[in-house]
Amino acid sequence: MADKISGWLRQRERADGMTWLWCHQQLRPSDGKMVENTIRLGLVAEIGDENAAWRRVGELRLIEKYVANPTNGQPTFGWLANHYIKHGLPFNKRNGHRKSKGTIYCYQHALNDFILPRWEDEVANRVKPLSIRDWLFNLHDGDDYDWQTVSKIKMVMGQVFDHADVYDLETCRNPVSKVRVPGSEDEDREIRILQPKETWQIVSRLQDPERTLVLLIAATGLRISEALALQWKHVRFEANSIWVEQAFRLSEITTTKTKSSKASVPMCIALAEFLQNWRSQSPYHRESDFVFASDKLNGKKPRTGQMVNRCYLKPAAIAAKVLKTEERFGFHSLRHSLSTWVNNATKDVKVVQTLLRHSNPDITVGTYIHAVPQENLNAQGQYMMAMMKGEHPPQAGTDAMVNAKPASTSIQ
């Protein structure tokens, strides 16, 4: 029976079998007439009887979307986002696996703090690419968010529209797919690369356990979340190695960032001595205890990385005059510094890739190996030498001429 408030159900034969349809009246914009609109619920064989079909209507929130929605049945972006948060956010778009708690938190943050305040009440199929582009650029230029953050916000917004398409919530195209923004800032300018001497100057200004934590990350390239999640059973003194199998994020022990991250890293004798010394001092020294356990939580959980960085690492770097107060700096800079130094020393990307536990060497080369200004100067000098020796017979004093400072007047 027709019901203008909640709609009505019908069964119709379709190519794949008898199908439940939910029907309702909707205003047709072209002439202002009320016409019937149908939404496919699924096969009768899969859903069941009429009561089950109405439960499916409730699960899909169709009455709220098409009848109670003040936009005459045209869903708002906020409605799509709420459906995405419930049915799409927990799952990885590529493989269907559940997202980690940390990833869900980041996506939810992007939606609640950036996307929904601007787009929640907008009719979804009226959202235009140029409007999205202008808004994203304003986040960067006006609100001073870096491009990496803006790019992630754009990605989350696009996933909401993709989710609507998969669930057949709205037939509009994904306007985000037509928007282009830079993926990141100049990363070499953002990340502070330390020389071993500079790292030691920072370490020497710390006391345990911060000293051992910083030294561990500097020497192994562990992520801070992986280092904090270590238990003494993972430190294999007899094998000169440390086994990485978990991470500590958002106050919970969880899986490592990638499958390849779950692996063993080397532990030299000097590093092992620092760890053994800290274990002899720590009240939490049993095999099941965390290596860097929190005193405030009686060792039940590790310490937090943000607190250690804010209260110990960065102040020590500033005190050592390695860092300026306004510079961005954190534990990940130690990982970048190690990879850059090891690559310069070994000239073997495979060594760096294995040390950082990257599944793809392109990540190692493209992100974690940085150019050192002096090496660039030397390379340029060698190239100039090769050019000059190729064009002219070798001359005495060529090396000095290549590396000499330019004269005060320009050469015409």
Protein backbone atom coordinates (compact mmCIF):
# COMPACT_ATOMS: atom_id res chain seq x y z
CA MET A 1 0.00 0.00 0.00
CA ALA A 2 1.29 3.42 -0.92
CA ASP A 3 2.50 5.53 1.99
CA LYS A 4 3.67 9.06 1.27
CA ILE A 5 5.58 9.12 4.56
CA SER A 6 7.59 5.91 4.39
CA GLY A 7 7.17 4.87 0.77
CA TRP A 8 6.16 1.37 -0.31
CA LEU A 9 7.66 -1.94 -1.42
CA ARG A 10 7.32 -3.87 -4.67
CA GLN A 11 8.70 -7.09 -6.08
CA ARG A 12 9.76 -7.07 -9.72
CA GLU A 13 11.43 -9.65 -11.92
CA ARG A 14 14.88 -8.53 -13.05
CA ALA A 15 17.62 -10.21 -15.07
CA ASP A 16 19.24 -11.68 -11.96
CA GLY A 17 15.95 -12.75 -10.29
CA MET A 18 13.01 -11.47 -8.29
CA THR A 19 14.00 -8.18 -6.69
CA TRP A 20 12.76 -6.03 -3.82
CA LEU A 21 12.22 -2.36 -4.73
CA TRP A 22 11.49 0.51 -2.39
CA CYS A 23 9.32 3.23 -3.96
CA HIS A 24 8.62 6.81 -2.99
CA GLN A 25 7.35 10.04 -4.51
CA GLN A 26 9.91 12.61 -5.60
CA LEU A 27 9.61 16.10 -7.05
CA ARG A 28 10.67 16.28 -10.71
CA PRO A 29 12.63 19.56 -11.15
CA SER A 30 11.75 19.91 -14.85
CA ASP A 31 8.00 20.41 -14.35
CA GLY A 32 7.47 20.42 -10.58
CA LYS A 33 5.33 17.23 -10.63
CA MET A 34 5.54 14.45 -8.05
CA VAL A 35 6.65 11.22 -9.71
CA GLU A 36 7.43 7.72 -8.50
CA ASN A 37 11.08 6.84 -7.91
CA THR A 38 12.32 3.31 -7.17
CA ILE A 39 15.41 2.13 -5.32
CA ARG A 40 16.71 -1.43 -5.68
CA LEU A 41 17.12 -3.16 -2.30
CA GLY A 42 18.37 -6.55 -3.47
CA LEU A 43 17.21 -10.01 -4.47
CA VAL A 44 14.22 -11.48 -2.65
CA ALA A 45 16.20 -14.70 -2.21
CA GLU A 46 18.92 -12.81 -0.33
CA ILE A 47 16.77 -10.37 1.68
CA GLY A 48 13.79 -12.51 2.62
CA ASP A 49 10.25 -11.45 3.41
CA GLU A 50 8.66 -7.99 3.55
CA ASN A 51 9.73 -7.34 7.14
CA ALA A 52 13.32 -8.03 6.17
CA ALA A 53 12.96 -5.70 3.19
CA TRP A 54 11.78 -2.88 5.48
CA ARG A 55 14.77 -3.52 7.74
CA ARG A 56 16.99 -3.06 4.69
CA VAL A 57 15.22 0.27 4.00
CA GLY A 58 16.09 1.30 7.56
CA GLU A 59 19.71 0.14 7.28
CA LEU A 60 20.14 2.23 4.12
CA ARG A 61 18.37 5.19 5.77
CA LEU A 62 16.33 5.66 2.60
CA ILE A 63 13.38 7.36 4.31
CA GLU A 64 15.71 9.90 5.93
CA LYS A 65 17.49 10.45 2.63
CA TYR A 66 14.61 10.72 0.19
CA VAL A 67 11.55 11.60 2.31
CA ALA A 68 12.73 13.47 5.40
CA ASN A 69 15.59 15.23 3.62
CA PRO A 70 14.75 18.94 3.23
CA THR A 71 16.40 19.04 -0.20
CA ASN A 72 13.49 17.22 -1.86
CA GLY A 73 15.18 13.85 -1.99
CA GLN A 74 18.53 15.14 -3.23
CA PRO A 75 21.07 13.86 -0.71
CA THR A 76 23.48 16.31 0.84
CA PHE A 77 27.20 15.66 1.06
CA GLY A 78 26.75 15.35 4.84
CA TRP A 79 24.30 12.48 4.34
CA LEU A 80 26.72 10.70 2.02
CA ALA A 81 29.55 11.28 4.50
CA ASN A 82 27.57 9.79 7.38
CA HIS A 83 26.83 6.68 5.30
CA TYR A 84 30.52 6.46 4.39
CA ILE A 85 31.59 6.76 8.04
CA LYS A 86 29.32 3.86 8.98
CA HIS A 87 29.74 1.52 6.01
CA GLY A 88 32.88 2.56 4.13
CA LEU A 89 35.39 4.19 6.47
CA PRO A 90 36.30 1.04 8.44
CA PHE A 91 37.39 -0.80 5.29
CA ASN A 92 40.31 -0.38 2.93
CA LYS A 93 39.10 0.66 -0.52
CA ARG A 94 41.71 -1.42 -2.38
CA ASN A 95 41.56 -4.80 -0.64
CA GLY A 96 38.53 -4.68 1.67
CA HIS A 97 40.60 -5.29 4.80
CA ARG A 98 39.82 -3.31 7.92
CA LYS A 99 41.72 -0.05 8.31
CA SER A 100 43.89 0.45 11.38
CA LYS A 101 42.56 2.57 14.23
CA GLY A 102 45.13 5.25 13.40
CA THR A 103 44.00 5.50 9.77
CA ILE A 104 40.33 5.71 10.77
CA TYR A 105 41.18 8.45 13.25
CA CYS A 106 42.99 10.48 10.55
CA TYR A 107 40.11 10.12 8.07
CA GLN A 108 37.56 11.05 10.73
CA HIS A 109 39.66 14.08 11.64
CA ALA A 110 39.73 15.24 8.01
CA LEU A 111 35.95 14.87 7.75
CA ASN A 112 34.98 16.46 11.08
CA ASP A 113 37.48 19.31 11.17
CA PHE A 114 37.80 20.28 7.50
CA ILE A 115 35.33 18.74 5.05
CA LEU A 116 31.97 18.62 6.84
CA PRO A 117 32.08 22.18 8.24
CA ARG A 118 32.28 23.42 4.64
CA TRP A 119 30.28 20.88 2.62
CA GLU A 120 27.85 19.14 4.98
CA ASP A 121 24.72 21.00 3.86
CA GLU A 122 25.60 21.18 0.17
CA VAL A 123 23.49 19.05 -2.20
CA ALA A 124 25.94 16.37 -3.34
CA ASN A 125 25.26 16.56 -7.06
CA ARG A 126 25.67 20.34 -7.04
CA VAL A 127 29.23 20.29 -5.68
CA LYS A 128 31.49 21.62 -8.44
CA PRO A 129 35.19 20.82 -9.04
CA LEU A 130 36.18 24.49 -9.21
CA SER A 131 34.56 25.18 -5.85
CA ILE A 132 36.49 22.28 -4.31
CA ARG A 133 39.72 23.48 -5.91
CA ASP A 134 39.30 27.04 -4.60
CA TRP A 135 38.51 25.72 -1.11
CA LEU A 136 41.58 23.45 -1.07
CA PHE A 137 43.87 26.23 -2.26
CA ASN A 138 42.47 28.49 0.44
CA LEU A 139 43.33 25.86 3.06
CA HIS A 140 46.92 26.10 1.86
CA ASP A 141 47.24 29.80 1.12
CA GLY A 142 44.84 31.23 3.68
CA ASP A 143 44.97 28.78 6.58
CA ASP A 144 48.62 27.82 6.01
CA TYR A 145 48.18 24.04 5.85
CA ASP A 146 50.91 22.28 3.87
CA TRP A 147 50.09 20.61 0.56
CA GLN A 148 50.54 17.14 1.99
CA THR A 149 47.74 17.78 4.48
CA VAL A 150 45.54 19.40 1.84
CA SER A 151 46.12 16.47 -0.51
CA LYS A 152 44.99 14.00 2.17
CA ILE A 153 41.84 16.04 2.82
CA LYS A 154 41.08 15.95 -0.92
CA MET A 155 41.61 12.18 -0.98
CA VAL A 156 39.17 11.59 1.89
CA MET A 157 36.51 13.79 0.25
CA GLY A 158 36.92 11.85 -2.99
CA GLN A 159 36.44 8.56 -1.15
CA VAL A 160 33.04 9.75 0.09
CA PHE A 161 31.87 10.29 -3.50
CA ASP A 162 33.36 6.95 -4.61
CA HIS A 163 31.53 5.25 -1.73
CA ALA A 164 28.25 6.84 -2.85
CA ASP A 165 28.79 5.41 -6.33
CA VAL A 166 29.57 1.89 -5.03
CA TYR A 167 26.46 1.85 -2.82
CA ASP A 168 24.32 3.50 -5.51
CA LEU A 169 23.43 6.31 -3.11
CA GLU A 170 23.77 9.03 -5.71
CA THR A 171 24.30 9.03 -9.45
CA CYS A 172 26.45 12.18 -9.52
CA ARG A 173 30.01 12.00 -10.81
CA ASN A 174 32.93 12.36 -8.41
CA PRO A 175 33.86 16.06 -8.72
CA VAL A 176 37.04 15.55 -6.69
CA SER A 177 38.54 13.42 -9.48
CA LYS A 178 38.84 16.54 -11.65
CA VAL A 179 40.66 18.58 -8.99
CA ARG A 180 44.45 18.80 -9.02
CA VAL A 181 46.57 20.09 -6.14
CA PRO A 182 50.29 19.64 -5.40
CA GLY A 183 50.97 16.45 -3.47
CA SER A 184 53.49 17.95 -1.06
CA GLU A 185 55.79 20.83 -0.35
CA ASP A 186 59.49 20.74 -1.13
CA GLU A 187 60.25 17.82 1.20
CA ASP A 188 64.03 18.31 1.25
CA ARG A 189 63.40 21.80 2.61
CA GLU A 190 61.08 20.47 5.31
CA ILE A 191 63.10 17.51 6.63
CA ARG A 192 66.23 18.25 8.67
CA ILE A 193 69.00 15.80 7.79
CA LEU A 194 71.55 15.30 10.57
CA GLN A 195 75.15 14.20 10.34
CA PRO A 196 76.24 11.52 12.86
CA LYS A 197 78.14 14.13 14.88
CA GLU A 198 75.01 16.28 15.19
CA THR A 199 72.93 13.30 16.27
CA TRP A 200 75.46 12.47 18.98
CA GLN A 201 75.38 16.06 20.22
CA ILE A 202 71.64 15.62 20.76
CA VAL A 203 72.01 12.18 22.39
CA SER A 204 74.71 13.44 24.79
CA ARG A 205 72.28 16.01 26.20
CA LEU A 206 69.68 13.41 27.15
CA GLN A 207 69.32 11.04 30.09
CA ASP A 208 67.86 7.55 30.02
CA PRO A 209 65.42 6.35 28.89
CA GLU A 210 65.22 9.19 26.32
CA ARG A 211 68.89 8.81 25.45
CA THR A 212 68.57 5.13 24.61
CA LEU A 213 65.30 5.68 22.73
CA VAL A 214 66.79 8.39 20.50
CA LEU A 215 69.98 6.38 19.92
CA LEU A 216 67.95 3.28 19.06
CA ILE A 217 65.91 5.11 16.41
CA ALA A 218 68.97 6.93 15.04
CA ALA A 219 70.92 3.68 14.64
CA THR A 220 68.15 1.39 13.36
CA GLY A 221 65.73 3.70 11.52
CA LEU A 222 62.79 2.36 13.50
CA ARG A 223 59.61 4.43 13.42
CA ILE A 224 58.80 5.94 16.80
CA SER A 225 55.60 3.85 16.96
CA GLU A 226 57.67 0.68 16.45
CA ALA A 227 60.33 1.62 19.00
CA LEU A 228 57.76 2.39 21.69
CA ALA A 229 55.99 -0.93 21.09
CA LEU A 230 59.15 -2.98 21.71
CA GLN A 231 59.16 -5.43 24.57
CA TRP A 232 62.34 -6.90 25.99
CA LYS A 233 61.50 -10.24 24.37
CA HIS A 234 61.94 -8.52 20.99
CA VAL A 235 65.52 -7.48 21.80
CA ARG A 236 67.62 -10.52 20.88
CA PHE A 237 71.00 -9.84 22.42
CA GLU A 238 72.39 -13.28 21.51
CA ALA A 239 71.46 -12.77 17.84
CA ASN A 240 72.51 -9.10 17.59
CA SER A 241 69.09 -8.19 16.28
CA ILE A 242 65.75 -6.61 17.21
CA TRP A 243 62.50 -8.13 16.03
CA VAL A 244 59.82 -5.63 14.96
CA GLU A 245 56.31 -7.07 15.03
CA GLN A 246 53.99 -4.36 16.39
CA ALA A 247 53.47 -0.61 16.76
CA PHE A 248 52.04 1.73 19.41
CA ARG A 249 49.53 4.24 18.03
CA LEU A 250 46.69 6.14 19.67
CA SER A 251 47.40 4.46 23.02
CA GLU A 252 46.99 0.98 21.56
CA ILE A 253 49.30 -1.80 20.43
CA THR A 254 48.54 -2.48 16.77
CA THR A 255 50.11 -3.95 13.64
CA THR A 256 53.11 -2.49 11.85
CA LYS A 257 52.60 0.04 9.06
CA THR A 258 53.19 -2.53 6.30
CA LYS A 259 53.84 -6.26 6.06
CA SER A 260 57.46 -5.63 5.09
CA SER A 261 57.90 -3.54 8.26
CA LYS A 262 57.46 -6.70 10.32
CA ALA A 263 61.07 -7.85 10.21
CA SER A 264 64.38 -8.02 12.04
CA VAL A 265 66.78 -5.07 12.24
CA PRO A 266 70.48 -5.32 13.16
CA MET A 267 71.79 -4.40 16.61
CA CYS A 268 75.49 -3.67 16.82
CA ILE A 269 77.51 -4.23 20.01
CA ALA A 270 77.55 -0.53 20.93
CA LEU A 271 73.76 -0.25 20.65
CA ALA A 272 73.31 -3.49 22.60
CA GLU A 273 75.40 -2.07 25.45
CA PHE A 274 73.16 1.00 25.72
CA LEU A 275 70.05 -1.21 25.79
CA GLN A 276 71.55 -3.56 28.39
CA ASN A 277 72.54 -0.60 30.55
CA TRP A 278 68.99 0.81 30.38
CA ARG A 279 67.49 -2.60 31.20
CA SER A 280 69.63 -2.83 34.33
CA GLN A 281 68.20 0.54 35.50
CA SER A 282 64.57 0.12 34.45
CA PRO A 283 62.03 -1.27 36.94
CA TYR A 284 60.34 -2.86 33.93
CA HIS A 285 62.95 -5.40 32.84
CA ARG A 286 61.00 -8.63 32.41
CA GLU A 287 60.70 -10.20 28.97
CA SER A 288 57.05 -9.13 28.67
CA ASP A 289 57.69 -5.53 29.80
CA PHE A 290 57.88 -2.64 27.38
CA VAL A 291 61.41 -1.37 26.79
CA PHE A 292 60.23 2.24 27.18
CA ALA A 293 57.37 1.74 29.62
CA SER A 294 55.44 4.64 31.09
CA ASP A 295 56.05 5.26 34.79
CA LYS A 296 52.75 7.12 35.08
CA LEU A 297 50.88 4.06 33.83
CA ASN A 298 52.94 1.67 35.99
CA GLY A 299 54.47 0.09 32.91
CA LYS A 300 51.17 -1.11 31.48
CA LYS A 301 51.70 0.94 28.31
CA PRO A 302 54.67 2.61 26.61
CA ARG A 303 55.40 6.31 26.73
CA THR A 304 53.95 8.56 24.01
CA GLY A 305 56.11 9.72 21.11
CA GLN A 306 54.68 13.25 20.93
CA MET A 307 55.53 13.87 24.57
CA VAL A 308 59.10 12.61 24.19
CA ASN A 309 59.62 14.71 21.07
CA ARG A 310 58.13 17.87 22.58
CA CYS A 311 59.73 17.63 26.02
CA TYR A 312 63.08 15.98 25.28
CA LEU A 313 64.18 15.47 21.65
CA LYS A 314 63.53 18.90 20.17
CA PRO A 315 64.73 20.86 23.25
CA ALA A 316 67.96 18.83 23.19
CA ALA A 317 68.44 19.57 19.47
CA ILE A 318 67.93 23.28 20.10
CA ALA A 319 70.31 23.24 23.09
CA ALA A 320 72.94 21.53 20.92
CA LYS A 321 72.48 24.34 18.35
CA VAL A 322 71.68 21.71 15.77
CA LEU A 323 68.19 23.09 15.28
CA LYS A 324 66.50 26.47 15.30
CA THR A 325 63.41 26.95 17.42
CA GLU A 326 61.08 27.50 14.45
CA GLU A 327 62.32 24.45 12.48
CA ARG A 328 60.17 21.34 12.21
CA PHE A 329 61.87 18.32 13.72
CA GLY A 330 60.91 14.91 15.01
CA PHE A 331 61.90 11.28 15.27
CA HIS A 332 61.27 10.68 11.57
CA SER A 333 64.15 13.04 10.75
CA LEU A 334 66.46 10.48 12.37
CA ARG A 335 65.15 7.82 9.98
CA HIS A 336 65.79 10.08 6.98
CA SER A 337 69.26 10.99 8.31
CA LEU A 338 70.26 7.34 8.71
CA SER A 339 69.07 6.37 5.22
CA THR A 340 70.89 9.30 3.60
CA TRP A 341 74.16 8.61 5.43
CA VAL A 342 74.10 4.85 4.77
CA ASN A 343 73.44 5.42 1.07
CA ASN A 344 76.37 7.84 0.85
CA ALA A 345 78.62 5.40 2.68
CA THR A 346 77.67 2.18 0.88
CA LYS A 347 76.31 3.45 -2.48
CA ASP A 348 73.94 0.48 -2.23
CA VAL A 349 70.21 1.25 -2.26
CA LYS A 350 69.43 -2.39 -1.37
CA VAL A 351 71.20 -1.97 1.97
CA VAL A 352 69.14 1.12 2.78
CA GLN A 353 65.92 -0.55 1.62
CA THR A 354 66.56 -3.57 3.85
CA LEU A 355 67.51 -1.42 6.81
CA LEU A 356 64.32 0.66 6.55
CA ARG A 357 62.22 -2.43 5.69
CA HIS A 358 60.67 -0.92 2.58
CA SER A 359 58.83 -3.26 0.22
CA ASN A 360 59.52 -0.97 -2.74
CA PRO A 361 62.99 0.52 -3.42
CA ASP A 362 61.32 3.48 -5.16
CA ILE A 363 60.11 4.66 -1.74
CA THR A 364 63.65 4.44 -0.41
CA VAL A 365 65.18 6.39 -3.29
CA GLY A 366 62.39 8.90 -3.84
CA THR A 367 61.59 9.78 -0.23
CA TYR A 368 64.33 8.79 2.21
CA ILE A 369 67.59 9.47 0.38
CA HIS A 370 68.37 13.18 0.32
CA ALA A 371 70.99 15.19 -1.53
CA VAL A 372 73.75 16.74 0.56
CA PRO A 373 74.77 20.25 -0.63
CA GLN A 374 78.52 19.58 -0.46
CA GLU A 375 78.12 16.40 -2.49
CA ASN A 376 76.14 18.34 -5.08
CA LEU A 377 78.99 20.86 -5.30
CA ASN A 378 81.56 18.08 -5.70
CA ALA A 379 79.45 16.39 -8.38
CA GLN A 380 79.06 19.64 -10.26
CA GLY A 381 82.81 20.23 -10.06
CA GLN A 382 83.53 16.75 -11.42
CA TYR A 383 81.10 17.31 -14.29
CA MET A 384 82.68 20.65 -15.10
CA MET A 385 86.10 18.97 -15.02
CA ALA A 386 84.92 16.32 -17.47
CA MET A 387 83.47 18.95 -19.81
CA MET A 388 86.57 21.11 -19.72
CA LYS A 389 88.93 18.20 -20.18
CA GLY A 390 86.85 17.01 -23.11
CA GLU A 391 86.89 20.38 -24.84
CA HIS A 392 90.49 21.32 -24.09
CA PRO A 393 93.73 19.51 -23.37
CA PRO A 394 94.33 18.98 -19.64
CA GLN A 395 95.79 22.11 -18.12
CA ALA A 396 97.56 22.74 -14.90
CA GLY A 397 95.32 24.46 -12.39
CA THR A 398 92.06 23.19 -13.86
CA ASP A 399 90.89 21.81 -10.48
CA ALA A 400 91.46 25.15 -8.83
CA MET A 401 89.60 26.97 -11.59
CA VAL A 402 86.57 24.65 -11.30
CA ASN A 403 86.27 25.08 -7.54
CA ALA A 404 87.25 28.76 -7.44
CA LYS A 405 84.72 31.38 -6.37
CA PRO A 406 83.35 33.55 -9.19
CA ALA A 407 84.88 36.94 -9.80
CA SER A 408 83.01 40.02 -8.60
CA THR A 409 82.35 41.16 -12.19
CA SER A 410 80.36 39.10 -14.67
CA ILE A 411 81.92 37.66 -17.80
CA GLN A 412 80.48 39.14 -20.95
